[in-house]
Protein backbone atom coordinates (compact mmCIF):
# COMPACT_ATOMS: atom_id res chain seq x y z
CA UNK A 1 -9.12 19.41 20.17
CA UNK A 2 -9.97 22.26 22.48
CA UNK A 3 -13.05 24.43 21.97
CA UNK A 4 -12.70 28.09 21.02
CA UNK A 5 -15.20 30.95 21.35
CA UNK A 6 -15.53 31.59 17.59
CA UNK A 7 -15.94 27.92 16.82
CA UNK A 8 -13.99 25.96 14.24
CA UNK A 9 -14.44 25.26 10.56
CA UNK A 10 -15.89 21.80 10.09
CA UNK A 11 -13.50 20.92 7.26
CA UNK A 12 -10.40 21.82 9.26
CA UNK A 13 -11.69 19.98 12.29
CA UNK A 14 -12.55 16.89 10.25
CA UNK A 15 -9.04 16.78 8.76
CA UNK A 16 -7.47 17.11 12.21
CA UNK A 17 -9.68 14.36 13.66
CA UNK A 18 -8.97 12.08 10.66
CA UNK A 19 -5.23 12.58 11.15
CA UNK A 20 -5.50 11.80 14.86
CA UNK A 21 -7.48 8.63 14.15
CA UNK A 22 -4.97 7.52 11.51
CA UNK A 23 -2.07 8.06 13.94
CA UNK A 24 -3.84 5.98 16.60
CA UNK A 25 -4.55 3.18 14.13
CA UNK A 26 -0.89 3.10 13.09
CA UNK A 27 0.19 2.94 16.72
CA UNK A 28 -2.29 0.16 17.45
CA UNK A 29 -1.66 -1.86 14.31
CA UNK A 30 1.95 -1.87 13.10
CA UNK A 31 0.98 -4.36 10.39
CA UNK A 32 -1.16 -1.68 8.78
CA UNK A 33 1.88 0.60 8.66
CA UNK A 34 3.95 -2.05 6.83
CA UNK A 35 1.05 -2.75 4.48
CA UNK A 36 0.79 0.95 3.67
CA UNK A 37 4.53 0.99 2.94
CA UNK A 38 4.09 -1.79 0.37
CA UNK A 39 1.22 0.12 -1.24
CA UNK A 40 3.36 3.27 -1.39
CA UNK A 41 6.20 1.28 -2.98
CA UNK A 42 3.84 0.03 -5.68
CA UNK A 43 2.47 3.51 -6.32
CA UNK A 44 5.94 5.05 -6.45
CA UNK A 45 7.16 2.38 -8.82
CA UNK A 46 4.19 2.88 -11.17
CA UNK A 47 4.66 6.66 -11.32
CA UNK A 48 8.44 6.68 -11.61
CA UNK A 49 9.42 6.87 -15.26
CA UNK A 50 13.12 6.07 -14.84
CA UNK A 51 14.05 3.35 -12.35
CA UNK A 52 17.30 3.98 -10.50
CA UNK A 53 18.78 0.51 -10.84
CA UNK A 54 18.11 0.17 -14.57
CA UNK A 55 15.60 -2.64 -14.15
CA UNK A 56 12.39 -2.65 -16.12
CA UNK A 57 9.13 -1.56 -14.54
CA UNK A 58 7.42 -4.93 -14.80
CA UNK A 59 10.23 -6.78 -13.00
CA UNK A 60 10.36 -4.16 -10.27
CA UNK A 61 6.59 -4.38 -9.77
CA UNK A 62 6.77 -8.17 -9.76
CA UNK A 63 9.51 -8.09 -7.13
CA UNK A 64 7.47 -5.77 -4.89
CA UNK A 65 4.36 -7.94 -5.30
CA UNK A 66 6.34 -11.09 -4.44
CA UNK A 67 7.69 -9.49 -1.25
CA UNK A 68 4.22 -8.14 -0.40
CA UNK A 69 2.56 -11.55 -0.91
CA UNK A 70 5.22 -13.34 1.18
CA UNK A 71 4.85 -10.77 3.95
CA UNK A 72 1.05 -11.13 3.86
CA UNK A 73 1.24 -14.92 4.11
CA UNK A 74 3.60 -14.68 7.09
CA UNK A 75 1.64 -12.03 8.97
CA UNK A 76 -1.92 -13.03 8.09
CA UNK A 77 -1.70 -16.85 7.95
CA UNK A 78 -5.43 -17.34 8.55
CA UNK A 79 -6.61 -14.64 6.14
CA UNK A 80 -6.56 -16.32 2.73
CA UNK A 81 -8.78 -13.59 1.25
CA UNK A 82 -6.06 -10.97 1.69
CA UNK A 83 -3.51 -13.16 -0.10
CA UNK A 84 -5.97 -14.00 -2.88
CA UNK A 85 -6.77 -10.32 -3.38
CA UNK A 86 -3.06 -9.53 -3.76
CA UNK A 87 -2.54 -12.38 -6.21
CA UNK A 88 -5.48 -11.15 -8.29
CA UNK A 89 -4.19 -7.56 -8.27
CA UNK A 90 -0.71 -8.71 -9.26
CA UNK A 91 -2.01 -10.90 -12.08
CA UNK A 92 -4.34 -8.23 -13.40
CA UNK A 93 -1.65 -5.53 -13.34
CA UNK A 94 1.18 -7.59 -14.82
CA UNK A 95 -0.69 -9.65 -17.42
CA UNK A 96 -0.17 -7.04 -20.13
CA UNK A 97 3.64 -7.24 -19.97
CA UNK A 98 4.90 -9.52 -22.73
CA UNK A 99 8.23 -10.09 -20.97
CA UNK A 100 6.43 -11.82 -18.09
CA UNK A 101 4.39 -14.21 -20.24
CA UNK A 102 5.04 -17.88 -19.49
CA UNK A 103 7.17 -17.05 -16.43
């Protein structure tokens, strides 16, 4: 970011700096990028009212969580806390679906 005579608005500068930092983090840590993709998939699935393939929401969410947990175990084998956190989130989110009871 180059200086200008009039100065810059702090809010605009902060957004630009935050974006630059986020881009550097993604370049440094490709795992973070994949993790963010899983989070976006979960968010998109939750907000989408009509699923394209005709499957129910709970099974789609479960499928994404299963893939996410497997990926986490493969890429963070020594970080059991990350896997546990995902398992807790999955259980908490999907426990209210009757179709998944006893599965």
